[in-house]
């Protein structure tokens, strides 16, 4: 855990990790070792259709998890990967759902409902990599978040790692959701330990973490620190570690003061423009590493 720029205690979580129990290239023990060495406080082992139990290894909390993929590979039919985090027991979702192409969206929706029934978080994985459209995602129901960044999708798979446009399109249609950064580590040749969410918490109990994530008390990052706060009904402020760019994104396609550039920038403000209904912030440091806030709404 560490204390952030605002004096709040945060835990570093990696919530999408694969091992050789499914299609990862290292054992669970080896995977965990990578994350211990990089200072993570908790990880979820999310092998495909194999429920990973909760536990602890050398002080690293293991959060229960599993990835459920449906729809095969043709995005025209709908390809959905749903990561379940923090379930209190194995949901035992039928694995034959994996091959049901024509009903992939309805199966993904049922998976989300089941994960939540078992007190877990249902996260839409790498929607850009999966070529999910906002219309497809709006059919899935009440998922708890989506991956705005997915390391392996950049490092080893198709170079479609960033899902920020999809997230903002959903938000513009009234579906604001929490935004996570994950590794989805498979190869362990550089796709691991590249992304995390930093959760505001002093409670490392699984359900305590689930509540904090569901409430949006975290930021997503490749390294930088970033915080957004509403300081007036029509104004937000960002505080961050030194960066070269701060970008404010909203439902408006253009607005004044959206991008702030410079050297060692550590804060910026944004005033509601026109028909803005929400805003989020993205920062980029001198090395090109990014961090993302969740959404803030305007009255």
C-alpha atoms as a PDB file:
ATOM      1  CA  UNK A   1       0.000   0.000   0.000  1.00  0.00           C
ATOM      2  CA  UNK A   2       1.059   3.626  -0.424  1.00  0.00           C
ATOM      3  CA  UNK A   3      -0.142   7.101   0.515  1.00  0.00           C
ATOM      4  CA  UNK A   4      -1.142   9.187  -2.505  1.00  0.00           C
ATOM      5  CA  UNK A   5      -0.800  12.904  -3.229  1.00  0.00           C
ATOM      6  CA  UNK A   6      -4.015  13.575  -1.309  1.00  0.00           C
ATOM      7  CA  UNK A   7      -2.882  11.666   1.778  1.00  0.00           C
ATOM      8  CA  UNK A   8      -5.154   8.696   1.085  1.00  0.00           C
ATOM      9  CA  UNK A   9      -4.078   5.075   1.447  1.00  0.00           C
ATOM     10  CA  UNK A  10      -4.256   3.032  -1.745  1.00  0.00           C
ATOM     11  CA  UNK A  11      -3.662  -0.556  -2.777  1.00  0.00           C
ATOM     12  CA  UNK A  12      -2.196  -1.624  -6.127  1.00  0.00           C
ATOM     13  CA  UNK A  13      -4.317  -4.284  -7.825  1.00  0.00           C
ATOM     14  CA  UNK A  14      -3.782  -6.410 -10.943  1.00  0.00           C
ATOM     15  CA  UNK A  15      -7.176  -7.811 -11.867  1.00  0.00           C
ATOM     16  CA  UNK A  16      -6.613  -9.821 -15.059  1.00  0.00           C
ATOM     17  CA  UNK A  17      -3.851 -12.444 -14.951  1.00  0.00           C
ATOM     18  CA  UNK A  18      -3.541 -15.795 -16.761  1.00  0.00           C
ATOM     19  CA  UNK A  19      -1.484 -18.884 -15.971  1.00  0.00           C
ATOM     20  CA  UNK A  20      -0.783 -22.260 -17.551  1.00  0.00           C
ATOM     21  CA  UNK A  21      -4.014 -23.532 -16.034  1.00  0.00           C
ATOM     22  CA  UNK A  22      -5.540 -22.075 -19.223  1.00  0.00           C
ATOM     23  CA  UNK A  23      -3.617 -20.195 -21.933  1.00  0.00           C
ATOM     24  CA  UNK A  24      -0.902 -18.449 -19.915  1.00  0.00           C
ATOM     25  CA  UNK A  25       2.717 -19.533 -20.265  1.00  0.00           C
ATOM     26  CA  UNK A  26       3.744 -19.658 -16.595  1.00  0.00           C
ATOM     27  CA  UNK A  27       2.455 -21.451 -13.524  1.00  0.00           C
ATOM     28  CA  UNK A  28       0.282 -19.694 -10.934  1.00  0.00           C
ATOM     29  CA  UNK A  29       3.283 -19.654  -8.608  1.00  0.00           C
ATOM     30  CA  UNK A  30       5.489 -17.991 -11.224  1.00  0.00           C
ATOM     31  CA  UNK A  31       2.790 -15.472 -12.150  1.00  0.00           C
ATOM     32  CA  UNK A  32       2.312 -14.462  -8.534  1.00  0.00           C
ATOM     33  CA  UNK A  33       6.077 -14.005  -8.135  1.00  0.00           C
ATOM     34  CA  UNK A  34       6.165 -11.368 -10.914  1.00  0.00           C
ATOM     35  CA  UNK A  35       3.503  -9.314  -9.128  1.00  0.00           C
ATOM     36  CA  UNK A  36       5.087  -9.642  -5.704  1.00  0.00           C
ATOM     37  CA  UNK A  37       8.365  -8.336  -7.107  1.00  0.00           C
ATOM     38  CA  UNK A  38       6.631  -5.313  -8.640  1.00  0.00           C
ATOM     39  CA  UNK A  39       4.927  -4.230  -5.432  1.00  0.00           C
ATOM     40  CA  UNK A  40       1.332  -5.205  -6.122  1.00  0.00           C
ATOM     41  CA  UNK A  41      -0.911  -5.638  -3.093  1.00  0.00           C
ATOM     42  CA  UNK A  42      -3.382  -8.018  -4.744  1.00  0.00           C
ATOM     43  CA  UNK A  43      -3.980  -9.888  -7.993  1.00  0.00           C
ATOM     44  CA  UNK A  44      -6.797 -11.942  -9.436  1.00  0.00           C
ATOM     45  CA  UNK A  45      -5.890 -15.131 -11.306  1.00  0.00           C
ATOM     46  CA  UNK A  46      -8.472 -15.136 -14.079  1.00  0.00           C
ATOM     47  CA  UNK A  47      -7.886 -18.210 -16.207  1.00  0.00           C
ATOM     48  CA  UNK A  48     -10.466 -18.932 -18.887  1.00  0.00           C
ATOM     49  CA  UNK A  49     -13.415 -20.853 -17.430  1.00  0.00           C
ATOM     50  CA  UNK A  50     -11.314 -21.964 -14.439  1.00  0.00           C
ATOM     51  CA  UNK A  51     -12.384 -20.393 -11.166  1.00  0.00           C
ATOM     52  CA  UNK A  52      -9.411 -19.124  -9.150  1.00  0.00           C
ATOM     53  CA  UNK A  53      -9.875 -19.353  -5.408  1.00  0.00           C
ATOM     54  CA  UNK A  54      -9.149 -16.557  -2.959  1.00  0.00           C
ATOM     55  CA  UNK A  55      -5.915 -16.848  -0.982  1.00  0.00           C
ATOM     56  CA  UNK A  56      -2.617 -15.223  -0.042  1.00  0.00           C
ATOM     57  CA  UNK A  57       1.026 -15.766  -1.044  1.00  0.00           C
ATOM     58  CA  UNK A  58       3.821 -14.019   0.868  1.00  0.00           C
ATOM     59  CA  UNK A  59       1.582 -11.087   1.738  1.00  0.00           C
ATOM     60  CA  UNK A  60       0.129 -10.763  -1.770  1.00  0.00           C
ATOM     61  CA  UNK A  61      -3.637 -11.130  -1.637  1.00  0.00           C
ATOM     62  CA  UNK A  62      -5.136 -13.419  -4.259  1.00  0.00           C
ATOM     63  CA  UNK A  63      -8.646 -12.311  -5.217  1.00  0.00           C
ATOM     64  CA  UNK A  64     -11.004 -14.920  -6.628  1.00  0.00           C
ATOM     65  CA  UNK A  65     -11.524 -14.602 -10.350  1.00  0.00           C
ATOM     66  CA  UNK A  66     -12.256 -16.115 -13.756  1.00  0.00           C
ATOM     67  CA  UNK A  67     -12.546 -14.978 -17.381  1.00  0.00           C
ATOM     68  CA  UNK A  68     -15.552 -16.114 -19.382  1.00  0.00           C
ATOM     69  CA  UNK A  69     -15.242 -15.708 -23.148  1.00  0.00           C
ATOM     70  CA  UNK A  70     -18.144 -16.220 -25.542  1.00  0.00           C
ATOM     71  CA  UNK A  71     -18.652 -15.681 -29.257  1.00  0.00           C
ATOM     72  CA  UNK A  72     -15.542 -17.256 -30.818  1.00  0.00           C
ATOM     73  CA  UNK A  73     -13.483 -14.793 -32.926  1.00  0.00           C
ATOM     74  CA  UNK A  74     -15.673 -13.113 -35.553  1.00  0.00           C
ATOM     75  CA  UNK A  75     -16.549  -9.708 -34.110  1.00  0.00           C
ATOM     76  CA  UNK A  76     -19.537  -9.379 -36.448  1.00  0.00           C
ATOM     77  CA  UNK A  77     -21.269 -12.040 -34.361  1.00  0.00           C
ATOM     78  CA  UNK A  78     -20.296 -10.426 -31.045  1.00  0.00           C
ATOM     79  CA  UNK A  79     -17.197 -11.478 -29.103  1.00  0.00           C
ATOM     80  CA  UNK A  80     -17.416 -10.863 -25.362  1.00  0.00           C
ATOM     81  CA  UNK A  81     -14.851 -11.521 -22.635  1.00  0.00           C
ATOM     82  CA  UNK A  82     -16.230 -10.982 -19.144  1.00  0.00           C
ATOM     83  CA  UNK A  83     -13.855 -11.032 -16.178  1.00  0.00           C
ATOM     84  CA  UNK A  84     -15.434 -11.939 -12.871  1.00  0.00           C
ATOM     85  CA  UNK A  85     -13.654 -10.655  -9.758  1.00  0.00           C
ATOM     86  CA  UNK A  86     -14.296 -11.326  -6.079  1.00  0.00           C
ATOM     87  CA  UNK A  87     -17.042 -13.936  -6.290  1.00  0.00           C
ATOM     88  CA  UNK A  88     -17.734 -15.571  -2.938  1.00  0.00           C
ATOM     89  CA  UNK A  89     -17.777 -19.023  -4.561  1.00  0.00           C
ATOM     90  CA  UNK A  90     -17.534 -20.649  -7.983  1.00  0.00           C
ATOM     91  CA  UNK A  91     -20.530 -19.520 -10.104  1.00  0.00           C
ATOM     92  CA  UNK A  92     -20.169 -22.749 -12.143  1.00  0.00           C
ATOM     93  CA  UNK A  93     -21.243 -21.093 -15.372  1.00  0.00           C
ATOM     94  CA  UNK A  94     -21.665 -23.808 -18.043  1.00  0.00           C
ATOM     95  CA  UNK A  95     -18.547 -23.920 -20.245  1.00  0.00           C
ATOM     96  CA  UNK A  96     -20.565 -25.002 -23.274  1.00  0.00           C
ATOM     97  CA  UNK A  97     -21.834 -21.387 -23.408  1.00  0.00           C
ATOM     98  CA  UNK A  98     -18.373 -20.559 -24.745  1.00  0.00           C
ATOM     99  CA  UNK A  99     -19.231 -21.931 -28.190  1.00  0.00           C
ATOM    100  CA  UNK A 100     -22.682 -20.383 -28.626  1.00  0.00           C
ATOM    101  CA  UNK A 101     -22.062 -17.827 -31.348  1.00  0.00           C
ATOM    102  CA  UNK A 102     -25.607 -16.823 -32.261  1.00  0.00           C
ATOM    103  CA  UNK A 103     -26.546 -16.203 -28.632  1.00  0.00           C
ATOM    104  CA  UNK A 104     -23.234 -14.692 -27.495  1.00  0.00           C
ATOM    105  CA  UNK A 105     -24.731 -11.396 -26.292  1.00  0.00           C
ATOM    106  CA  UNK A 106     -27.459 -13.096 -24.261  1.00  0.00           C
ATOM    107  CA  UNK A 107     -24.920 -15.515 -22.758  1.00  0.00           C
ATOM    108  CA  UNK A 108     -22.600 -12.644 -21.867  1.00  0.00           C
ATOM    109  CA  UNK A 109     -25.525 -10.892 -20.203  1.00  0.00           C
ATOM    110  CA  UNK A 110     -26.333 -14.019 -18.192  1.00  0.00           C
ATOM    111  CA  UNK A 111     -22.686 -14.350 -17.172  1.00  0.00           C
ATOM    112  CA  UNK A 112     -22.707 -10.776 -15.865  1.00  0.00           C
ATOM    113  CA  UNK A 113     -25.881 -11.446 -13.872  1.00  0.00           C
ATOM    114  CA  UNK A 114     -24.437 -14.633 -12.416  1.00  0.00           C
ATOM    115  CA  UNK A 115     -21.142 -13.035 -11.390  1.00  0.00           C
ATOM    116  CA  UNK A 116     -23.063 -10.324  -9.552  1.00  0.00           C
ATOM    117  CA  UNK A 117     -25.358 -12.924  -7.975  1.00  0.00           C
ATOM    118  CA  UNK A 118     -22.197 -14.417  -6.447  1.00  0.00           C
ATOM    119  CA  UNK A 119     -21.202 -10.982  -5.066  1.00  0.00           C
ATOM    120  CA  UNK A 120     -18.523 -10.377  -7.685  1.00  0.00           C
ATOM    121  CA  UNK A 121     -17.598  -7.601 -10.090  1.00  0.00           C
ATOM    122  CA  UNK A 122     -18.345  -8.169 -13.772  1.00  0.00           C
ATOM    123  CA  UNK A 123     -15.799  -6.379 -15.979  1.00  0.00           C
ATOM    124  CA  UNK A 124     -15.933  -6.176 -19.781  1.00  0.00           C
ATOM    125  CA  UNK A 125     -12.416  -7.058 -20.931  1.00  0.00           C
ATOM    126  CA  UNK A 126     -10.621  -5.326 -23.819  1.00  0.00           C
ATOM    127  CA  UNK A 127     -13.688  -4.070 -25.745  1.00  0.00           C
ATOM    128  CA  UNK A 128     -11.467  -2.456 -28.404  1.00  0.00           C
ATOM    129  CA  UNK A 129      -9.567  -5.705 -28.985  1.00  0.00           C
ATOM    130  CA  UNK A 130     -12.916  -7.507 -29.240  1.00  0.00           C
ATOM    131  CA  UNK A 131     -14.261  -4.799 -31.592  1.00  0.00           C
ATOM    132  CA  UNK A 132     -17.284  -4.381 -29.355  1.00  0.00           C
ATOM    133  CA  UNK A 133     -19.597  -1.576 -30.418  1.00  0.00           C
ATOM    134  CA  UNK A 134     -21.439   0.620 -27.924  1.00  0.00           C
ATOM    135  CA  UNK A 135     -24.686  -0.865 -29.215  1.00  0.00           C
ATOM    136  CA  UNK A 136     -23.457  -4.364 -28.398  1.00  0.00           C
ATOM    137  CA  UNK A 137     -22.290  -3.383 -24.926  1.00  0.00           C
ATOM    138  CA  UNK A 138     -25.537  -1.617 -24.108  1.00  0.00           C
ATOM    139  CA  UNK A 139     -27.274  -4.981 -24.552  1.00  0.00           C
ATOM    140  CA  UNK A 140     -25.202  -6.643 -21.837  1.00  0.00           C
ATOM    141  CA  UNK A 141     -26.900  -5.095 -18.838  1.00  0.00           C
ATOM    142  CA  UNK A 142     -25.405  -3.963 -15.562  1.00  0.00           C
ATOM    143  CA  UNK A 143     -21.679  -4.702 -15.829  1.00  0.00           C
ATOM    144  CA  UNK A 144     -19.441  -3.010 -13.251  1.00  0.00           C
ATOM    145  CA  UNK A 145     -16.746  -1.603 -15.502  1.00  0.00           C
ATOM    146  CA  UNK A 146     -14.659  -2.013 -18.614  1.00  0.00           C
ATOM    147  CA  UNK A 147     -10.968  -2.109 -19.355  1.00  0.00           C
ATOM    148  CA  UNK A 148      -9.905   1.230 -20.779  1.00  0.00           C
ATOM    149  CA  UNK A 149      -6.438  -0.275 -21.217  1.00  0.00           C
ATOM    150  CA  UNK A 150      -5.319  -3.892 -21.618  1.00  0.00           C
ATOM    151  CA  UNK A 151      -1.569  -4.531 -21.740  1.00  0.00           C
ATOM    152  CA  UNK A 152      -1.424  -7.741 -23.756  1.00  0.00           C
ATOM    153  CA  UNK A 153      -3.658  -6.200 -26.427  1.00  0.00           C
ATOM    154  CA  UNK A 154      -0.893  -3.674 -27.022  1.00  0.00           C
ATOM    155  CA  UNK A 155       2.159  -5.764 -26.305  1.00  0.00           C
ATOM    156  CA  UNK A 156       1.261  -9.005 -28.011  1.00  0.00           C
ATOM    157  CA  UNK A 157      -2.233  -9.069 -29.513  1.00  0.00           C
ATOM    158  CA  UNK A 158      -3.430  -6.892 -32.442  1.00  0.00           C
ATOM    159  CA  UNK A 159      -2.283  -3.546 -30.957  1.00  0.00           C
ATOM    160  CA  UNK A 160      -5.819  -2.550 -29.913  1.00  0.00           C
ATOM    161  CA  UNK A 161      -5.137  -1.836 -26.268  1.00  0.00           C
ATOM    162  CA  UNK A 162      -7.083   1.385 -25.661  1.00  0.00           C
ATOM    163  CA  UNK A 163     -10.871   1.401 -25.289  1.00  0.00           C
ATOM    164  CA  UNK A 164     -11.292   5.047 -24.321  1.00  0.00           C
ATOM    165  CA  UNK A 165     -13.423   5.983 -27.342  1.00  0.00           C
ATOM    166  CA  UNK A 166     -15.799   3.074 -26.696  1.00  0.00           C
ATOM    167  CA  UNK A 167     -16.105   4.087 -23.031  1.00  0.00           C
ATOM    168  CA  UNK A 168     -16.902   7.682 -23.976  1.00  0.00           C
ATOM    169  CA  UNK A 169     -19.433   6.610 -26.597  1.00  0.00           C
ATOM    170  CA  UNK A 170     -21.189   4.544 -23.932  1.00  0.00           C
ATOM    171  CA  UNK A 171     -21.083   7.492 -21.527  1.00  0.00           C
ATOM    172  CA  UNK A 172     -22.501   9.809 -24.184  1.00  0.00           C
ATOM    173  CA  UNK A 173     -25.464   7.432 -24.411  1.00  0.00           C
ATOM    174  CA  UNK A 174     -25.956   7.642 -20.641  1.00  0.00           C
ATOM    175  CA  UNK A 175     -24.023   4.509 -19.643  1.00  0.00           C
ATOM    176  CA  UNK A 176     -21.188   5.765 -17.443  1.00  0.00           C
ATOM    177  CA  UNK A 177     -19.084   2.900 -16.147  1.00  0.00           C
ATOM    178  CA  UNK A 178     -15.898   2.499 -14.136  1.00  0.00           C
ATOM    179  CA  UNK A 179     -12.649   2.338 -16.126  1.00  0.00           C
ATOM    180  CA  UNK A 180      -9.923  -0.170 -15.296  1.00  0.00           C
ATOM    181  CA  UNK A 181      -6.404  -0.797 -16.568  1.00  0.00           C
ATOM    182  CA  UNK A 182      -5.256  -4.421 -16.539  1.00  0.00           C
ATOM    183  CA  UNK A 183      -2.478  -6.589 -17.923  1.00  0.00           C
ATOM    184  CA  UNK A 184      -4.345  -9.675 -19.125  1.00  0.00           C
ATOM    185  CA  UNK A 185      -0.876 -11.214 -18.837  1.00  0.00           C
ATOM    186  CA  UNK A 186      -0.325 -14.361 -20.919  1.00  0.00           C
ATOM    187  CA  UNK A 187       3.228 -14.455 -22.246  1.00  0.00           C
ATOM    188  CA  UNK A 188       5.277 -12.944 -19.422  1.00  0.00           C
ATOM    189  CA  UNK A 189       7.710 -11.448 -21.894  1.00  0.00           C
ATOM    190  CA  UNK A 190       6.735  -7.875 -21.052  1.00  0.00           C
ATOM    191  CA  UNK A 191       2.940  -8.033 -20.939  1.00  0.00           C
ATOM    192  CA  UNK A 192       2.939  -8.407 -17.144  1.00  0.00           C
ATOM    193  CA  UNK A 193       2.991  -5.716 -14.434  1.00  0.00           C
ATOM    194  CA  UNK A 194       2.344  -2.908 -16.938  1.00  0.00           C
ATOM    195  CA  UNK A 195      -1.042  -1.723 -15.621  1.00  0.00           C
ATOM    196  CA  UNK A 196      -3.033  -1.572 -12.405  1.00  0.00           C
ATOM    197  CA  UNK A 197      -5.845   0.114 -10.567  1.00  0.00           C
ATOM    198  CA  UNK A 198      -5.006   2.025  -7.403  1.00  0.00           C
ATOM    199  CA  UNK A 199      -7.846   1.530  -4.960  1.00  0.00           C
ATOM    200  CA  UNK A 200      -8.523   3.896  -2.084  1.00  0.00           C
ATOM    201  CA  UNK A 201      -8.846   1.516   0.857  1.00  0.00           C
ATOM    202  CA  UNK A 202      -7.423   0.363   4.148  1.00  0.00           C
ATOM    203  CA  UNK A 203      -9.509  -2.817   3.961  1.00  0.00           C
ATOM    204  CA  UNK A 204      -7.961  -5.710   2.011  1.00  0.00           C
ATOM    205  CA  UNK A 205     -10.945  -7.966   2.608  1.00  0.00           C
ATOM    206  CA  UNK A 206     -12.202  -9.141  -0.785  1.00  0.00           C
ATOM    207  CA  UNK A 207     -15.698  -7.778  -0.380  1.00  0.00           C
ATOM    208  CA  UNK A 208     -14.271  -4.519   0.939  1.00  0.00           C
ATOM    209  CA  UNK A 209     -12.214  -4.218  -2.249  1.00  0.00           C
ATOM    210  CA  UNK A 210     -15.256  -5.122  -4.350  1.00  0.00           C
ATOM    211  CA  UNK A 211     -17.266  -2.346  -2.699  1.00  0.00           C
ATOM    212  CA  UNK A 212     -14.495   0.204  -3.224  1.00  0.00           C
ATOM    213  CA  UNK A 213     -14.096  -0.702  -6.904  1.00  0.00           C
ATOM    214  CA  UNK A 214     -17.839  -0.732  -7.538  1.00  0.00           C
ATOM    215  CA  UNK A 215     -18.034   2.739  -5.954  1.00  0.00           C
ATOM    216  CA  UNK A 216     -15.294   3.972  -8.312  1.00  0.00           C
ATOM    217  CA  UNK A 217     -12.777   4.748  -5.563  1.00  0.00           C
ATOM    218  CA  UNK A 218      -9.743   4.122  -7.758  1.00  0.00           C
ATOM    219  CA  UNK A 219      -7.805   5.370 -10.731  1.00  0.00           C
ATOM    220  CA  UNK A 220      -6.357   3.255 -13.547  1.00  0.00           C
ATOM    221  CA  UNK A 221      -2.715   3.590 -14.480  1.00  0.00           C
ATOM    222  CA  UNK A 222       0.391   2.497 -16.328  1.00  0.00           C
ATOM    223  CA  UNK A 223       2.422   4.411 -13.744  1.00  0.00           C
ATOM    224  CA  UNK A 224       1.336   8.046 -13.196  1.00  0.00           C
ATOM    225  CA  UNK A 225      -0.905   9.156 -10.342  1.00  0.00           C
ATOM    226  CA  UNK A 226      -4.084  11.120 -11.097  1.00  0.00           C
ATOM    227  CA  UNK A 227      -7.068  12.431  -9.127  1.00  0.00           C
ATOM    228  CA  UNK A 228     -10.138  14.347 -10.236  1.00  0.00           C
ATOM    229  CA  UNK A 229     -12.394  16.338  -7.928  1.00  0.00           C
ATOM    230  CA  UNK A 230     -15.479  18.455  -8.486  1.00  0.00           C
ATOM    231  CA  UNK A 231     -14.702  21.854  -6.955  1.00  0.00           C
ATOM    232  CA  UNK A 232     -17.875  23.652  -8.114  1.00  0.00           C
ATOM    233  CA  UNK A 233     -21.100  22.595  -9.811  1.00  0.00           C
ATOM    234  CA  UNK A 234     -19.531  23.394 -13.182  1.00  0.00           C
ATOM    235  CA  UNK A 235     -15.824  22.862 -12.521  1.00  0.00           C
ATOM    236  CA  UNK A 236     -13.414  19.994 -11.832  1.00  0.00           C
ATOM    237  CA  UNK A 237      -9.761  19.956 -10.852  1.00  0.00           C
ATOM    238  CA  UNK A 238      -7.094  17.357 -11.602  1.00  0.00           C
ATOM    239  CA  UNK A 239      -4.065  16.783  -9.402  1.00  0.00           C
ATOM    240  CA  UNK A 240      -1.413  14.395 -10.682  1.00  0.00           C
ATOM    241  CA  UNK A 241       2.202  13.338 -10.550  1.00  0.00           C
ATOM    242  CA  UNK A 242       4.387  15.373 -12.954  1.00  0.00           C
ATOM    243  CA  UNK A 243       3.175  14.861 -16.505  1.00  0.00           C
ATOM    244  CA  UNK A 244       3.433  16.356 -19.973  1.00  0.00           C
ATOM    245  CA  UNK A 245      -0.266  16.338 -20.868  1.00  0.00           C
ATOM    246  CA  UNK A 246      -3.668  16.399 -19.189  1.00  0.00           C
ATOM    247  CA  UNK A 247      -6.739  15.765 -21.345  1.00  0.00           C
ATOM    248  CA  UNK A 248     -10.343  16.252 -20.263  1.00  0.00           C
ATOM    249  CA  UNK A 249     -12.899  14.179 -22.172  1.00  0.00           C
ATOM    250  CA  UNK A 250     -16.663  14.737 -22.187  1.00  0.00           C
ATOM    251  CA  UNK A 251     -19.738  14.058 -24.314  1.00  0.00           C
ATOM    252  CA  UNK A 252     -19.074  17.244 -26.310  1.00  0.00           C
ATOM    253  CA  UNK A 253     -16.883  16.675 -29.349  1.00  0.00           C
ATOM    254  CA  UNK A 254     -15.136  20.012 -28.807  1.00  0.00           C
ATOM    255  CA  UNK A 255     -14.679  22.239 -25.795  1.00  0.00           C
ATOM    256  CA  UNK A 256     -12.421  25.022 -24.585  1.00  0.00           C
ATOM    257  CA  UNK A 257      -9.457  24.173 -22.380  1.00  0.00           C
ATOM    258  CA  UNK A 258      -9.683  20.438 -22.991  1.00  0.00           C
ATOM    259  CA  UNK A 259      -5.927  19.805 -23.354  1.00  0.00           C
ATOM    260  CA  UNK A 260      -3.169  21.134 -21.098  1.00  0.00           C
ATOM    261  CA  UNK A 261       0.443  20.568 -22.181  1.00  0.00           C
ATOM    262  CA  UNK A 262       3.749  21.423 -20.581  1.00  0.00           C
ATOM    263  CA  UNK A 263       6.673  20.123 -18.590  1.00  0.00           C
ATOM    264  CA  UNK A 264       6.114  18.835 -15.075  1.00  0.00           C
ATOM    265  CA  UNK A 265       2.402  19.709 -15.125  1.00  0.00           C
ATOM    266  CA  UNK A 266       0.840  18.726 -11.793  1.00  0.00           C
ATOM    267  CA  UNK A 267      -2.669  20.193 -11.916  1.00  0.00           C
ATOM    268  CA  UNK A 268      -5.339  21.643 -14.176  1.00  0.00           C
ATOM    269  CA  UNK A 269      -8.958  22.767 -14.040  1.00  0.00           C
ATOM    270  CA  UNK A 270     -11.800  22.274 -16.480  1.00  0.00           C
ATOM    271  CA  UNK A 271     -15.020  24.274 -16.654  1.00  0.00           C
ATOM    272  CA  UNK A 272     -18.211  22.728 -17.986  1.00  0.00           C
ATOM    273  CA  UNK A 273     -18.654  23.696 -21.602  1.00  0.00           C
ATOM    274  CA  UNK A 274     -21.949  23.833 -23.477  1.00  0.00           C
ATOM    275  CA  UNK A 275     -23.908  20.623 -23.063  1.00  0.00           C
ATOM    276  CA  UNK A 276     -21.234  18.735 -21.090  1.00  0.00           C
ATOM    277  CA  UNK A 277     -22.888  16.103 -18.898  1.00  0.00           C
ATOM    278  CA  UNK A 278     -19.750  14.366 -17.674  1.00  0.00           C
ATOM    279  CA  UNK A 279     -15.983  14.634 -17.746  1.00  0.00           C
ATOM    280  CA  UNK A 280     -13.044  12.339 -17.097  1.00  0.00           C
ATOM    281  CA  UNK A 281      -9.308  12.995 -17.215  1.00  0.00           C
ATOM    282  CA  UNK A 282      -6.328  11.238 -18.776  1.00  0.00           C
ATOM    283  CA  UNK A 283      -2.723  12.155 -18.034  1.00  0.00           C
ATOM    284  CA  UNK A 284       0.448  11.233 -19.912  1.00  0.00           C
ATOM    285  CA  UNK A 285       3.916  11.475 -18.407  1.00  0.00           C
ATOM    286  CA  UNK A 286       7.236  12.217 -20.125  1.00  0.00           C
ATOM    287  CA  UNK A 287       7.748   8.493 -20.842  1.00  0.00           C
ATOM    288  CA  UNK A 288       4.355   8.196 -22.542  1.00  0.00           C
ATOM    289  CA  UNK A 289       2.758   6.290 -19.686  1.00  0.00           C
ATOM    290  CA  UNK A 290      -0.878   7.110 -18.982  1.00  0.00           C
ATOM    291  CA  UNK A 291      -3.380   7.179 -16.139  1.00  0.00           C
ATOM    292  CA  UNK A 292      -7.151   7.564 -16.210  1.00  0.00           C
ATOM    293  CA  UNK A 293      -9.788   8.805 -13.781  1.00  0.00           C
ATOM    294  CA  UNK A 294     -13.353   7.619 -13.592  1.00  0.00           C
ATOM    295  CA  UNK A 295     -16.191   9.897 -14.699  1.00  0.00           C
ATOM    296  CA  UNK A 296     -17.486  12.949 -12.848  1.00  0.00           C
ATOM    297  CA  UNK A 297     -20.983  14.195 -13.728  1.00  0.00           C
ATOM    298  CA  UNK A 298     -22.190  17.784 -13.953  1.00  0.00           C
ATOM    299  CA  UNK A 299     -25.536  18.850 -12.508  1.00  0.00           C
END
